[in-house]
Amino acid sequence: MRGKADAEAASIYAQSYDQSNQARQFYQFLKSMETLEKTASEEKSLILSTDSELFRFLKEME
């Protein structure tokens, strides 16, 4: 019985960790998009480093 409870507790912990990681990634995505919205325009050129978060998110959207 105790082993089953430990397994269930471990499963719940793993699920919550996955959800918090997804929430963190989503927050980073939103902040990057806000930065892009504030800095980009048709009159300006934007040069991004290939290791920047913003570049990574834009590359994933292709």
N, C-alpha and C. Protein backbone atom coordinates (compact mmCIF):
# COMPACT_ATOMS: atom_id res chain seq x y z
N MET A 1 0.83 -1.18 0.00
CA MET A 1 0.00 0.00 0.00
C MET A 1 0.88 1.26 0.00
N ARG A 2 1.93 1.23 0.83
CA ARG A 2 2.80 2.41 0.91
C ARG A 2 3.54 2.63 -0.42
N GLY A 3 3.97 1.57 -1.06
CA GLY A 3 4.65 1.68 -2.36
C GLY A 3 3.75 2.29 -3.41
N LYS A 4 2.47 1.90 -3.39
CA LYS A 4 1.50 2.46 -4.34
C LYS A 4 1.32 3.96 -4.09
N ALA A 5 1.23 4.36 -2.82
CA ALA A 5 1.07 5.77 -2.47
C ALA A 5 2.31 6.57 -2.89
N ASP A 6 3.50 5.99 -2.68
CA ASP A 6 4.73 6.67 -3.09
C ASP A 6 4.78 6.86 -4.60
N ALA A 7 4.36 5.84 -5.32
CA ALA A 7 4.34 5.93 -6.79
C ALA A 7 3.36 7.00 -7.25
N GLU A 8 2.20 7.07 -6.62
CA GLU A 8 1.20 8.08 -6.98
C GLU A 8 1.72 9.48 -6.66
N ALA A 9 2.37 9.63 -5.50
CA ALA A 9 2.93 10.92 -5.13
C ALA A 9 4.01 11.35 -6.13
N ALA A 10 4.84 10.43 -6.54
CA ALA A 10 5.89 10.73 -7.52
C ALA A 10 5.28 11.14 -8.85
N SER A 11 4.22 10.48 -9.24
CA SER A 11 3.54 10.82 -10.49
C SER A 11 2.95 12.23 -10.43
N ILE A 12 2.32 12.56 -9.33
CA ILE A 12 1.73 13.90 -9.17
C ILE A 12 2.83 14.96 -9.20
N TYR A 13 3.94 14.69 -8.52
CA TYR A 13 5.07 15.62 -8.51
C TYR A 13 5.61 15.83 -9.93
N ALA A 14 5.75 14.76 -10.68
CA ALA A 14 6.27 14.87 -12.05
C ALA A 14 5.33 15.68 -12.93
N GLN A 15 4.03 15.48 -12.79
CA GLN A 15 3.06 16.24 -13.57
C GLN A 15 3.13 17.73 -13.22
N SER A 16 3.23 18.05 -11.95
CA SER A 16 3.29 19.46 -11.56
C SER A 16 4.58 20.10 -12.06
N TYR A 17 5.67 19.35 -12.05
CA TYR A 17 6.93 19.88 -12.57
C TYR A 17 6.81 20.18 -14.06
N ASP A 18 6.21 19.27 -14.82
CA ASP A 18 6.02 19.49 -16.26
C ASP A 18 5.16 20.72 -16.50
N GLN A 19 4.10 20.89 -15.73
CA GLN A 19 3.21 22.03 -15.91
C GLN A 19 3.91 23.34 -15.57
N SER A 20 4.72 23.36 -14.51
CA SER A 20 5.42 24.59 -14.15
C SER A 20 6.47 24.92 -15.20
N ASN A 21 7.10 23.91 -15.78
CA ASN A 21 8.08 24.14 -16.84
C ASN A 21 7.39 24.70 -18.08
N GLN A 22 6.23 24.18 -18.42
CA GLN A 22 5.46 24.70 -19.55
C GLN A 22 5.03 26.13 -19.30
N ALA A 23 4.59 26.43 -18.08
CA ALA A 23 4.18 27.79 -17.73
C ALA A 23 5.36 28.74 -17.85
N ARG A 24 6.53 28.31 -17.41
CA ARG A 24 7.74 29.14 -17.50
C ARG A 24 8.08 29.41 -18.96
N GLN A 25 8.01 28.40 -19.80
CA GLN A 25 8.32 28.57 -21.22
C GLN A 25 7.30 29.49 -21.89
N PHE A 26 6.04 29.37 -21.52
CA PHE A 26 5.00 30.22 -22.10
C PHE A 26 5.23 31.68 -21.68
N TYR A 27 5.58 31.90 -20.42
CA TYR A 27 5.86 33.25 -19.94
C TYR A 27 7.05 33.85 -20.72
N GLN A 28 8.09 33.07 -20.93
CA GLN A 28 9.25 33.55 -21.69
C GLN A 28 8.83 33.91 -23.12
N PHE A 29 7.98 33.08 -23.71
CA PHE A 29 7.48 33.35 -25.05
C PHE A 29 6.70 34.67 -25.08
N LEU A 30 5.79 34.86 -24.13
CA LEU A 30 5.00 36.09 -24.10
C LEU A 30 5.87 37.32 -23.93
N LYS A 31 6.85 37.26 -23.03
CA LYS A 31 7.74 38.41 -22.82
C LYS A 31 8.56 38.69 -24.08
N SER A 32 8.98 37.66 -24.78
CA SER A 32 9.73 37.86 -26.02
C SER A 32 8.85 38.51 -27.09
N MET A 33 7.61 38.09 -27.19
CA MET A 33 6.71 38.69 -28.16
C MET A 33 6.39 40.15 -27.80
N GLU A 34 6.28 40.46 -26.52
CA GLU A 34 6.07 41.84 -26.10
C GLU A 34 7.28 42.71 -26.47
N THR A 35 8.46 42.17 -26.28
CA THR A 35 9.68 42.88 -26.65
C THR A 35 9.71 43.13 -28.15
N LEU A 36 9.39 42.13 -28.92
CA LEU A 36 9.35 42.27 -30.37
C LEU A 36 8.34 43.34 -30.78
N GLU A 37 7.17 43.31 -30.19
CA GLU A 37 6.13 44.29 -30.52
C GLU A 37 6.58 45.71 -30.21
N LYS A 38 7.30 45.90 -29.11
CA LYS A 38 7.74 47.23 -28.70
C LYS A 38 8.92 47.74 -29.53
N THR A 39 9.75 46.85 -30.05
CA THR A 39 10.96 47.28 -30.73
C THR A 39 10.88 47.24 -32.25
N ALA A 40 10.07 46.39 -32.81
CA ALA A 40 10.03 46.23 -34.26
C ALA A 40 9.03 47.21 -34.89
N SER A 41 9.38 47.65 -36.07
CA SER A 41 8.47 48.46 -36.87
C SER A 41 8.91 48.38 -38.32
N GLU A 42 8.11 48.92 -39.20
CA GLU A 42 8.46 48.89 -40.62
C GLU A 42 9.63 49.82 -40.93
N GLU A 43 9.86 50.81 -40.06
CA GLU A 43 10.94 51.77 -40.28
C GLU A 43 12.28 51.30 -39.70
N LYS A 44 12.28 50.25 -38.89
CA LYS A 44 13.49 49.80 -38.22
C LYS A 44 13.88 48.40 -38.66
N SER A 45 15.17 48.15 -38.67
CA SER A 45 15.68 46.80 -38.88
C SER A 45 16.00 46.21 -37.51
N LEU A 46 15.77 44.94 -37.37
CA LEU A 46 16.04 44.27 -36.11
C LEU A 46 17.05 43.16 -36.38
N ILE A 47 18.17 43.22 -35.69
CA ILE A 47 19.22 42.21 -35.85
C ILE A 47 19.24 41.39 -34.57
N LEU A 48 19.05 40.09 -34.73
CA LEU A 48 19.00 39.20 -33.58
C LEU A 48 20.18 38.24 -33.60
N SER A 49 20.68 37.96 -32.43
CA SER A 49 21.69 36.93 -32.28
C SER A 49 21.00 35.57 -32.41
N THR A 50 21.69 34.61 -32.98
CA THR A 50 21.07 33.29 -33.16
C THR A 50 20.91 32.55 -31.83
N ASP A 51 21.53 33.04 -30.77
CA ASP A 51 21.35 32.39 -29.47
C ASP A 51 20.38 33.15 -28.56
N SER A 52 19.65 34.14 -29.11
CA SER A 52 18.69 34.88 -28.31
C SER A 52 17.37 34.12 -28.20
N GLU A 53 16.67 34.36 -27.11
CA GLU A 53 15.36 33.73 -26.90
C GLU A 53 14.39 34.14 -28.01
N LEU A 54 14.40 35.40 -28.36
CA LEU A 54 13.47 35.90 -29.38
C LEU A 54 13.72 35.21 -30.72
N PHE A 55 14.98 35.07 -31.10
CA PHE A 55 15.29 34.38 -32.34
C PHE A 55 14.79 32.94 -32.30
N ARG A 56 15.03 32.27 -31.16
CA ARG A 56 14.61 30.87 -31.02
C ARG A 56 13.10 30.74 -31.18
N PHE A 57 12.34 31.63 -30.56
CA PHE A 57 10.88 31.55 -30.68
C PHE A 57 10.42 31.82 -32.11
N LEU A 58 11.03 32.81 -32.75
CA LEU A 58 10.64 33.11 -34.12
C LEU A 58 11.00 31.98 -35.06
N LYS A 59 12.16 31.36 -34.84
CA LYS A 59 12.59 30.23 -35.66
C LYS A 59 11.64 29.05 -35.51
N GLU A 60 11.15 28.81 -34.30
CA GLU A 60 10.22 27.71 -34.06
C GLU A 60 8.86 27.94 -34.73
N MET A 61 8.52 29.20 -34.99
CA MET A 61 7.23 29.53 -35.59
C MET A 61 7.22 29.28 -37.09
N GLU A 62 8.38 29.09 -37.70
CA GLU A 62 8.44 28.87 -39.15
C GLU A 62 7.69 27.61 -39.54
